[in-house]
Protein backbone atom coordinates (compact mmCIF):
# COMPACT_ATOMS: atom_id res chain seq x y z
CA MET A 1 -2.02 13.46 5.86
CA LYS A 2 0.00 11.75 3.81
CA PHE A 3 2.71 8.65 4.69
CA GLY A 4 4.77 6.48 2.69
CA TYR A 5 5.88 3.00 3.05
CA ALA A 6 8.29 1.24 1.32
CA ARG A 7 9.78 -2.15 1.17
CA VAL A 8 13.43 -3.79 0.35
CA SER A 9 13.71 -7.28 0.09
CA THR A 10 17.07 -7.65 1.18
CA LYS A 11 19.73 -5.22 2.61
CA SER A 12 22.17 -5.08 -0.29
CA GLN A 13 19.41 -3.09 -1.71
CA LYS A 14 18.01 1.01 -1.86
CA HIS A 15 14.70 2.35 -0.78
CA ASP A 16 16.33 5.35 -2.03
CA LEU A 17 13.68 5.69 -5.22
CA HIS A 18 10.58 4.90 -3.51
CA VAL A 19 11.69 7.55 -0.73
CA ASN A 20 12.27 9.95 -3.10
CA VAL A 21 9.30 9.67 -5.30
CA PHE A 22 7.86 9.82 -1.91
CA LEU A 23 9.22 13.08 -1.54
CA ARG A 24 8.42 14.71 -5.01
CA GLU A 25 4.54 13.53 -3.83
CA GLY A 26 4.75 16.05 -1.34
CA ILE A 27 5.29 13.26 1.86
CA LYS A 28 7.34 14.46 4.44
CA PRO A 29 10.64 12.90 5.56
CA LYS A 30 8.86 11.96 9.01
CA ASN A 31 6.06 10.17 7.47
CA ILE A 32 7.74 7.69 5.37
CA TYR A 33 8.03 4.24 7.53
CA VAL A 34 10.82 1.75 5.46
CA ASP A 35 11.51 -1.53 5.62
CA ILE A 36 13.61 -4.58 4.45
CA SER A 37 11.85 -8.01 4.66
CA SER A 38 11.20 -10.29 2.34
CA GLY A 39 7.96 -9.80 0.68
CA ALA A 40 6.48 -13.85 1.78
CA LYS A 41 7.19 -12.39 6.06
CA ALA A 42 4.47 -11.33 7.83
CA GLU A 43 5.87 -9.74 9.99
CA ARG A 44 7.08 -6.84 9.28
CA LYS A 45 7.36 -3.42 11.99
CA GLY A 46 7.46 -0.47 9.47
CA LEU A 47 4.40 -0.95 8.13
CA ASP A 48 3.07 -1.90 12.00
CA GLU A 49 4.16 1.09 13.17
CA LEU A 50 2.71 3.09 9.83
CA LEU A 51 -0.76 1.35 10.35
CA SER A 52 -1.33 1.24 13.72
CA ILE A 53 -1.02 5.68 13.57
CA LEU A 54 -2.84 6.31 10.00
CA ARG A 55 -6.44 7.91 10.61
CA GLU A 56 -9.46 8.67 7.77
CA SER A 57 -8.88 10.90 5.36
CA ASP A 58 -4.69 9.99 5.42
CA THR A 59 -4.22 8.90 2.12
CA LEU A 60 -0.92 5.81 2.33
CA VAL A 61 1.51 5.52 -0.55
CA VAL A 62 3.53 2.98 -1.93
CA TYR A 63 5.64 2.96 -4.99
CA LYS A 64 4.44 -0.72 -5.92
CA LEU A 65 1.93 -2.92 -5.59
CA ASP A 66 4.14 -5.62 -4.23
CA ARG A 67 6.07 -2.77 -1.85
CA ILE A 68 2.99 -3.67 0.52
CA ALA A 69 1.35 -6.89 0.25
CA ARG A 70 2.58 -10.29 0.46
CA SER A 71 -0.38 -11.33 -1.58
CA LEU A 72 -3.89 -10.37 -3.88
CA SER A 73 -5.66 -11.14 -0.72
CA HIS A 74 -3.75 -9.93 1.64
CA LEU A 75 -4.06 -6.30 -0.03
CA THR A 76 -7.64 -6.57 -0.75
CA LYS A 77 -7.73 -7.24 2.94
CA LEU A 78 -6.04 -4.34 3.59
CA ILE A 79 -7.88 -1.87 1.11
CA GLU A 80 -11.08 -3.44 2.51
CA ASP A 81 -9.74 -1.99 5.97
CA PHE A 82 -8.53 1.05 4.76
CA GLU A 83 -11.78 1.96 3.14
CA LYS A 84 -13.55 0.77 6.62
CA LYS A 85 -11.61 3.17 8.41
CA GLY A 86 -11.33 6.90 5.61
CA ILE A 87 -7.78 6.39 5.03
CA HIS A 88 -6.78 6.63 1.05
CA PHE A 89 -4.12 4.63 -0.73
CA LYS A 90 -1.85 5.20 -4.12
CA SER A 91 0.86 3.35 -5.63
CA ILE A 92 3.19 5.28 -7.70
CA GLN A 93 3.35 2.49 -10.25
CA GLU A 94 0.53 1.31 -10.61
CA ASN A 95 -1.21 4.93 -10.74
CA PHE A 96 -4.90 3.91 -12.05
CA ILE A 97 -5.14 3.22 -8.25
CA ASP A 98 -5.82 5.81 -6.12
CA THR A 99 -8.04 5.72 -3.54
CA THR A 100 -8.51 8.99 -3.39
CA SER A 101 -10.68 9.25 -6.64
CA PRO A 102 -13.80 7.89 -7.65
CA HIS A 103 -12.34 6.66 -10.58
CA GLY A 104 -9.60 4.83 -8.42
CA ARG A 105 -12.22 3.40 -5.75
CA PHE A 106 -13.98 1.50 -9.66
CA ILE A 107 -11.15 0.08 -10.42
CA PHE A 108 -10.02 -1.29 -6.81
CA ASN A 109 -13.22 -2.07 -6.00
CA LEU A 110 -13.26 -4.37 -9.92
CA PHE A 111 -10.08 -6.41 -9.47
CA ALA A 112 -11.03 -6.83 -6.06
CA SER A 113 -14.43 -8.31 -6.81
CA VAL A 114 -12.44 -10.35 -9.68
CA ALA A 115 -9.66 -11.74 -6.85
CA GLN A 116 -13.02 -12.83 -4.80
CA PHE A 117 -14.76 -14.00 -8.08
CA GLY A 118 -12.08 -16.46 -8.50
CA LYS A 119 -11.10 -17.50 -4.84
CA ARG A 120 -14.40 -18.60 -4.38
CA TYR A 121 -15.04 -20.51 -8.22
CA TYR A 122 -11.44 -22.24 -7.68
CA HIS A 123 -10.48 -22.17 -5.13
């Protein structure tokens, strides 16, 4: 099953663009989760609820990577968790990250490797 996750930072911002893209991706409205929260905040009720229901072979779609993760390490951890559970991940704007395809998995793992290298040698 496909799910969408959108996050906007303030109540004055709209998430309509994200939702419309998700609908064009074939995601049902009941499977779209939205948060209004600063990117720095760890608490995101919509994301937490969504993460609790994702199952093997589901696909989580985001409009942009920065909508789901607070940092590269947070994104890497999420994707690692998805891989362990057999959950796919796709970013619309960064369309080269689509773990439903071998090419997308390769690209994501390449980025994750660079992040790990930087963390190990420069921190």
